[in-house]
Amino acid sequence: MSDWGPVFVAVVLFILLTPGLLIQIPGRQRLVEFGNFQTSGVSILVHSILYFALICIFLLAVGVHVYVGS
């Protein structure tokens, strides 16, 4: 059996935390902007730090495991 938990968590977090796709922190005019499809260097840094923190929490602290196969 293969453990697909880390792959699933990484893909979902990457989709949710892509700057400018769903949410952008900090935005260009406001602190939080939704769906503006624009990004900046600061927002890339903030989203990278959030991604790293959340992936560490889900994979190391919680230990998400999804087993697929026989």
PDB file of N, CA and C in Angstrom:
ATOM      1  N   MET A   1       0.846  -1.181   0.000  1.00  0.00           N
ATOM      2  CA  MET A   1       0.000   0.000   0.000  1.00  0.00           C
ATOM      3  C   MET A   1       0.888   1.241   0.000  1.00  0.00           C
ATOM      4  N   SER A   2       0.470   2.229  -0.726  1.00  0.00           N
ATOM      5  CA  SER A   2       1.224   3.469  -0.754  1.00  0.00           C
ATOM      6  C   SER A   2       0.488   4.557   0.008  1.00  0.00           C
ATOM      7  N   ASP A   3       1.274   5.365   0.676  1.00  0.00           N
ATOM      8  CA  ASP A   3       0.731   6.452   1.486  1.00  0.00           C
ATOM      9  C   ASP A   3       0.625   7.705   0.621  1.00  0.00           C
ATOM     10  N   TRP A   4      -0.603   8.104   0.286  1.00  0.00           N
ATOM     11  CA  TRP A   4      -0.852   9.272  -0.544  1.00  0.00           C
ATOM     12  C   TRP A   4      -1.223  10.501   0.283  1.00  0.00           C
ATOM     13  N   GLY A   5      -1.168  10.425   1.589  1.00  0.00           N
ATOM     14  CA  GLY A   5      -1.511  11.553   2.450  1.00  0.00           C
ATOM     15  C   GLY A   5      -0.668  12.790   2.208  1.00  0.00           C
ATOM     16  N   PRO A   6       0.671  12.662   2.216  1.00  0.00           N
ATOM     17  CA  PRO A   6       1.505  13.847   1.964  1.00  0.00           C
ATOM     18  C   PRO A   6       1.277  14.477   0.593  1.00  0.00           C
ATOM     19  N   VAL A   7       1.068  13.653  -0.425  1.00  0.00           N
ATOM     20  CA  VAL A   7       0.823  14.175  -1.771  1.00  0.00           C
ATOM     21  C   VAL A   7      -0.502  14.933  -1.813  1.00  0.00           C
ATOM     22  N   PHE A   8      -1.534  14.346  -1.233  1.00  0.00           N
ATOM     23  CA  PHE A   8      -2.853  14.975  -1.211  1.00  0.00           C
ATOM     24  C   PHE A   8      -2.821  16.303  -0.463  1.00  0.00           C
ATOM     25  N   VAL A   9      -2.192  16.331   0.714  1.00  0.00           N
ATOM     26  CA  VAL A   9      -2.107  17.564   1.512  1.00  0.00           C
ATOM     27  C   VAL A   9      -1.326  18.631   0.756  1.00  0.00           C
ATOM     28  N   ALA A  10      -0.212  18.259   0.136  1.00  0.00           N
ATOM     29  CA  ALA A  10       0.612  19.234  -0.587  1.00  0.00           C
ATOM     30  C   ALA A  10      -0.135  19.830  -1.775  1.00  0.00           C
ATOM     31  N   VAL A  11      -0.853  18.995  -2.528  1.00  0.00           N
ATOM     32  CA  VAL A  11      -1.580  19.501  -3.694  1.00  0.00           C
ATOM     33  C   VAL A  11      -2.725  20.420  -3.279  1.00  0.00           C
ATOM     34  N   VAL A  12      -3.484  20.024  -2.274  1.00  0.00           N
ATOM     35  CA  VAL A  12      -4.609  20.854  -1.813  1.00  0.00           C
ATOM     36  C   VAL A  12      -4.111  22.191  -1.272  1.00  0.00           C
ATOM     37  N   LEU A  13      -3.062  22.172  -0.459  1.00  0.00           N
ATOM     38  CA  LEU A  13      -2.524  23.430   0.072  1.00  0.00           C
ATOM     39  C   LEU A  13      -1.939  24.299  -1.038  1.00  0.00           C
ATOM     40  N   PHE A  14      -1.302  23.700  -2.028  1.00  0.00           N
ATOM     41  CA  PHE A  14      -0.750  24.477  -3.139  1.00  0.00           C
ATOM     42  C   PHE A  14      -1.858  25.184  -3.901  1.00  0.00           C
ATOM     43  N   ILE A  15      -2.964  24.483  -4.147  1.00  0.00           N
ATOM     44  CA  ILE A  15      -4.086  25.093  -4.865  1.00  0.00           C
ATOM     45  C   ILE A  15      -4.715  26.204  -4.037  1.00  0.00           C
ATOM     46  N   LEU A  16      -4.922  25.963  -2.752  1.00  0.00           N
ATOM     47  CA  LEU A  16      -5.576  26.962  -1.897  1.00  0.00           C
ATOM     48  C   LEU A  16      -4.693  28.171  -1.613  1.00  0.00           C
ATOM     49  N   LEU A  17      -3.383  27.966  -1.559  1.00  0.00           N
ATOM     50  CA  LEU A  17      -2.485  29.056  -1.163  1.00  0.00           C
ATOM     51  C   LEU A  17      -1.711  29.672  -2.327  1.00  0.00           C
ATOM     52  N   THR A  18      -2.108  29.421  -3.553  1.00  0.00           N
ATOM     53  CA  THR A  18      -1.482  30.098  -4.681  1.00  0.00           C
ATOM     54  C   THR A  18      -1.865  31.576  -4.631  1.00  0.00           C
ATOM     55  N   PRO A  19      -0.886  32.481  -4.527  1.00  0.00           N
ATOM     56  CA  PRO A  19      -1.221  33.907  -4.380  1.00  0.00           C
ATOM     57  C   PRO A  19      -2.018  34.435  -5.562  1.00  0.00           C
ATOM     58  N   GLY A  20      -3.134  35.073  -5.273  1.00  0.00           N
ATOM     59  CA  GLY A  20      -3.947  35.703  -6.297  1.00  0.00           C
ATOM     60  C   GLY A  20      -5.029  34.820  -6.873  1.00  0.00           C
ATOM     61  N   LEU A  21      -4.959  33.513  -6.667  1.00  0.00           N
ATOM     62  CA  LEU A  21      -5.963  32.631  -7.232  1.00  0.00           C
ATOM     63  C   LEU A  21      -7.271  32.723  -6.446  1.00  0.00           C
ATOM     64  N   LEU A  22      -7.264  32.357  -5.188  1.00  0.00           N
ATOM     65  CA  LEU A  22      -8.449  32.490  -4.337  1.00  0.00           C
ATOM     66  C   LEU A  22      -8.337  33.682  -3.401  1.00  0.00           C
ATOM     67  N   ILE A  23      -7.162  33.836  -2.811  1.00  0.00           N
ATOM     68  CA  ILE A  23      -6.949  34.879  -1.802  1.00  0.00           C
ATOM     69  C   ILE A  23      -5.515  35.396  -1.945  1.00  0.00           C
ATOM     70  N   GLN A  24      -5.310  36.646  -1.598  1.00  0.00           N
ATOM     71  CA  GLN A  24      -3.969  37.214  -1.609  1.00  0.00           C
ATOM     72  C   GLN A  24      -3.758  38.016  -0.341  1.00  0.00           C
ATOM     73  N   ILE A  25      -2.701  37.661   0.380  1.00  0.00           N
ATOM     74  CA  ILE A  25      -2.333  38.356   1.609  1.00  0.00           C
ATOM     75  C   ILE A  25      -0.894  38.804   1.458  1.00  0.00           C
ATOM     76  N   PRO A  26      -0.495  40.007   1.545  1.00  0.00           N
ATOM     77  CA  PRO A  26      -1.276  41.242   1.487  1.00  0.00           C
ATOM     78  C   PRO A  26      -1.646  41.571   0.049  1.00  0.00           C
ATOM     79  N   GLY A  27      -2.768  42.206  -0.095  1.00  0.00           N
ATOM     80  CA  GLY A  27      -3.232  42.614  -1.419  1.00  0.00           C
ATOM     81  C   GLY A  27      -2.591  43.915  -1.850  1.00  0.00           C
ATOM     82  N   ARG A  28      -2.962  44.375  -3.024  1.00  0.00           N
ATOM     83  CA  ARG A  28      -2.389  45.630  -3.519  1.00  0.00           C
ATOM     84  C   ARG A  28      -3.049  46.850  -2.869  1.00  0.00           C
ATOM     85  N   GLN A  29      -4.378  46.833  -2.716  1.00  0.00           N
ATOM     86  CA  GLN A  29      -5.066  47.967  -2.100  1.00  0.00           C
ATOM     87  C   GLN A  29      -5.473  47.672  -0.651  1.00  0.00           C
ATOM     88  N   ARG A  30      -5.768  46.412  -0.331  1.00  0.00           N
ATOM     89  CA  ARG A  30      -6.217  46.046   1.012  1.00  0.00           C
ATOM     90  C   ARG A  30      -5.305  44.970   1.577  1.00  0.00           C
ATOM     91  N   LEU A  31      -5.525  44.643   2.855  1.00  0.00           N
ATOM     92  CA  LEU A  31      -4.730  43.599   3.496  1.00  0.00           C
ATOM     93  C   LEU A  31      -5.029  42.237   2.876  1.00  0.00           C
ATOM     94  N   VAL A  32      -6.305  41.955   2.637  1.00  0.00           N
ATOM     95  CA  VAL A  32      -6.721  40.680   2.045  1.00  0.00           C
ATOM     96  C   VAL A  32      -7.578  40.983   0.824  1.00  0.00           C
ATOM     97  N   GLU A  33      -7.232  40.384  -0.306  1.00  0.00           N
ATOM     98  CA  GLU A  33      -8.027  40.521  -1.524  1.00  0.00           C
ATOM     99  C   GLU A  33      -8.389  39.131  -2.025  1.00  0.00           C
ATOM    100  N   PHE A  34      -9.545  39.029  -2.646  1.00  0.00           N
ATOM    101  CA  PHE A  34     -10.037  37.744  -3.106  1.00  0.00           C
ATOM    102  C   PHE A  34     -10.103  37.707  -4.630  1.00  0.00           C
ATOM    103  N   GLY A  35      -9.481  36.692  -5.239  1.00  0.00           N
ATOM    104  CA  GLY A  35      -9.590  36.425  -6.662  1.00  0.00           C
ATOM    105  C   GLY A  35      -9.186  37.556  -7.574  1.00  0.00           C
ATOM    106  N   ASN A  36      -8.075  38.223  -7.306  1.00  0.00           N
ATOM    107  CA  ASN A  36      -7.686  39.335  -8.171  1.00  0.00           C
ATOM    108  C   ASN A  36      -6.690  38.922  -9.257  1.00  0.00           C
ATOM    109  N   PHE A  37      -6.158  37.714  -9.221  1.00  0.00           N
ATOM    110  CA  PHE A  37      -5.225  37.176 -10.218  1.00  0.00           C
ATOM    111  C   PHE A  37      -3.983  38.046 -10.410  1.00  0.00           C
ATOM    112  N   GLN A  38      -3.590  38.769  -9.374  1.00  0.00           N
ATOM    113  CA  GLN A  38      -2.358  39.547  -9.388  1.00  0.00           C
ATOM    114  C   GLN A  38      -1.546  39.147  -8.168  1.00  0.00           C
ATOM    115  N   THR A  39      -0.262  39.340  -8.243  1.00  0.00           N
ATOM    116  CA  THR A  39       0.582  38.955  -7.119  1.00  0.00           C
ATOM    117  C   THR A  39       1.762  39.913  -6.992  1.00  0.00           C
ATOM    118  N   SER A  40       2.435  39.837  -5.881  1.00  0.00           N
ATOM    119  CA  SER A  40       3.624  40.650  -5.634  1.00  0.00           C
ATOM    120  C   SER A  40       4.643  39.775  -4.903  1.00  0.00           C
ATOM    121  N   GLY A  41       5.838  40.277  -4.787  1.00  0.00           N
ATOM    122  CA  GLY A  41       6.885  39.526  -4.099  1.00  0.00           C
ATOM    123  C   GLY A  41       6.573  39.286  -2.634  1.00  0.00           C
ATOM    124  N   VAL A  42       5.981  40.276  -1.990  1.00  0.00           N
ATOM    125  CA  VAL A  42       5.633  40.147  -0.580  1.00  0.00           C
ATOM    126  C   VAL A  42       4.550  39.084  -0.383  1.00  0.00           C
ATOM    127  N   SER A  43       3.551  39.065  -1.263  1.00  0.00           N
ATOM    128  CA  SER A  43       2.494  38.070  -1.118  1.00  0.00           C
ATOM    129  C   SER A  43       3.024  36.664  -1.402  1.00  0.00           C
ATOM    130  N   ILE A  44       3.979  36.518  -2.315  1.00  0.00           N
ATOM    131  CA  ILE A  44       4.595  35.213  -2.552  1.00  0.00           C
ATOM    132  C   ILE A  44       5.328  34.747  -1.301  1.00  0.00           C
ATOM    133  N   LEU A  45       6.043  35.643  -0.649  1.00  0.00           N
ATOM    134  CA  LEU A  45       6.751  35.301   0.586  1.00  0.00           C
ATOM    135  C   LEU A  45       5.785  34.901   1.693  1.00  0.00           C
ATOM    136  N   VAL A  46       4.717  35.664   1.881  1.00  0.00           N
ATOM    137  CA  VAL A  46       3.729  35.363   2.922  1.00  0.00           C
ATOM    138  C   VAL A  46       3.059  34.021   2.660  1.00  0.00           C
ATOM    139  N   HIS A  47       2.667  33.769   1.419  1.00  0.00           N
ATOM    140  CA  HIS A  47       2.007  32.509   1.089  1.00  0.00           C
ATOM    141  C   HIS A  47       2.972  31.327   1.214  1.00  0.00           C
ATOM    142  N   SER A  48       4.250  31.531   0.926  1.00  0.00           N
ATOM    143  CA  SER A  48       5.242  30.461   1.082  1.00  0.00           C
ATOM    144  C   SER A  48       5.433  30.095   2.544  1.00  0.00           C
ATOM    145  N   ILE A  49       5.470  31.091   3.392  1.00  0.00           N
ATOM    146  CA  ILE A  49       5.604  30.833   4.830  1.00  0.00           C
ATOM    147  C   ILE A  49       4.362  30.121   5.365  1.00  0.00           C
ATOM    148  N   LEU A  50       3.171  30.557   4.933  1.00  0.00           N
ATOM    149  CA  LEU A  50       1.939  29.877   5.343  1.00  0.00           C
ATOM    150  C   LEU A  50       1.912  28.435   4.854  1.00  0.00           C
ATOM    151  N   TYR A  51       2.326  28.213   3.610  1.00  0.00           N
ATOM    152  CA  TYR A  51       2.366  26.862   3.043  1.00  0.00           C
ATOM    153  C   TYR A  51       3.299  25.972   3.852  1.00  0.00           C
ATOM    154  N   PHE A  52       4.493  26.455   4.152  1.00  0.00           N
ATOM    155  CA  PHE A  52       5.458  25.675   4.921  1.00  0.00           C
ATOM    156  C   PHE A  52       4.934  25.357   6.316  1.00  0.00           C
ATOM    157  N   ALA A  53       4.345  26.336   6.976  1.00  0.00           N
ATOM    158  CA  ALA A  53       3.822  26.111   8.326  1.00  0.00           C
ATOM    159  C   ALA A  53       2.677  25.098   8.319  1.00  0.00           C
ATOM    160  N   LEU A  54       1.745  25.239   7.380  1.00  0.00           N
ATOM    161  CA  LEU A  54       0.605  24.325   7.339  1.00  0.00           C
ATOM    162  C   LEU A  54       1.007  22.913   6.921  1.00  0.00           C
ATOM    163  N   ILE A  55       1.943  22.787   5.994  1.00  0.00           N
ATOM    164  CA  ILE A  55       2.357  21.446   5.590  1.00  0.00           C
ATOM    165  C   ILE A  55       3.123  20.760   6.719  1.00  0.00           C
ATOM    166  N   CYS A  56       3.890  21.516   7.488  1.00  0.00           N
ATOM    167  CA  CYS A  56       4.558  20.931   8.658  1.00  0.00           C
ATOM    168  C   CYS A  56       3.546  20.475   9.701  1.00  0.00           C
ATOM    169  N   ILE A  57       2.530  21.271   9.937  1.00  0.00           N
ATOM    170  CA  ILE A  57       1.505  20.904  10.912  1.00  0.00           C
ATOM    171  C   ILE A  57       0.762  19.646  10.470  1.00  0.00           C
ATOM    172  N   PHE A  58       0.316  19.618   9.208  1.00  0.00           N
ATOM    173  CA  PHE A  58      -0.479  18.486   8.748  1.00  0.00           C
ATOM    174  C   PHE A  58       0.336  17.205   8.612  1.00  0.00           C
ATOM    175  N   LEU A  59       1.581  17.296   8.167  1.00  0.00           N
ATOM    176  CA  LEU A  59       2.363  16.088   7.929  1.00  0.00           C
ATOM    177  C   LEU A  59       3.133  15.616   9.157  1.00  0.00           C
ATOM    178  N   LEU A  60       3.664  16.523   9.940  1.00  0.00           N
ATOM    179  CA  LEU A  60       4.474  16.124  11.079  1.00  0.00           C
ATOM    180  C   LEU A  60       3.678  16.033  12.378  1.00  0.00           C
ATOM    181  N   ALA A  61       2.880  17.041  12.673  1.00  0.00           N
ATOM    182  CA  ALA A  61       2.163  17.056  13.951  1.00  0.00           C
ATOM    183  C   ALA A  61       0.908  16.188  13.918  1.00  0.00           C
ATOM    184  N   VAL A  62       0.087  16.346  12.893  1.00  0.00           N
ATOM    185  CA  VAL A  62      -1.162  15.592  12.800  1.00  0.00           C
ATOM    186  C   VAL A  62      -0.908  14.208  12.221  1.00  0.00           C
ATOM    187  N   GLY A  63      -0.039  14.126  11.238  1.00  0.00           N
ATOM    188  CA  GLY A  63       0.287  12.844  10.610  1.00  0.00           C
ATOM    189  C   GLY A  63      -0.816  12.319   9.710  1.00  0.00           C
ATOM    190  N   VAL A  64      -1.145  13.087   8.681  1.00  0.00           N
ATOM    191  CA  VAL A  64      -2.203  12.692   7.746  1.00  0.00           C
ATOM    192  C   VAL A  64      -1.701  11.531   6.882  1.00  0.00           C
ATOM    193  N   HIS A  65      -2.487  10.449   6.840  1.00  0.00           N
ATOM    194  CA  HIS A  65      -2.151   9.282   6.016  1.00  0.00           C
ATOM    195  C   HIS A  65      -3.373   8.864   5.229  1.00  0.00           C
ATOM    196  N   VAL A  66      -3.191   8.632   3.931  1.00  0.00           N
ATOM    197  CA  VAL A  66      -4.247   8.135   3.051  1.00  0.00           C
ATOM    198  C   VAL A  66      -3.649   6.953   2.298  1.00  0.00           C
ATOM    199  N   TYR A  67      -4.172   5.771   2.568  1.00  0.00           N
ATOM    200  CA  TYR A  67      -3.643   4.567   1.912  1.00  0.00           C
ATOM    201  C   TYR A  67      -4.565   4.158   0.783  1.00  0.00           C
ATOM    202  N   VAL A  68      -3.985   3.986  -0.407  1.00  0.00           N
ATOM    203  CA  VAL A  68      -4.737   3.615  -1.595  1.00  0.00           C
ATOM    204  C   VAL A  68      -4.100   2.361  -2.169  1.00  0.00           C
ATOM    205  N   GLY A  69      -4.914   1.452  -2.582  1.00  0.00           N
ATOM    206  CA  GLY A  69      -4.394   0.239  -3.203  1.00  0.00           C
ATOM    207  C   GLY A  69      -4.680  -0.980  -2.342  1.00  0.00           C
ATOM    208  N   SER A  70      -4.194  -2.094  -2.831  1.00  0.00           N
ATOM    209  CA  SER A  70      -4.440  -3.323  -2.085  1.00  0.00           C
ATOM    210  C   SER A  70      -3.198  -3.880  -1.466  1.00  0.00           C
TER     211      SER A  70
END
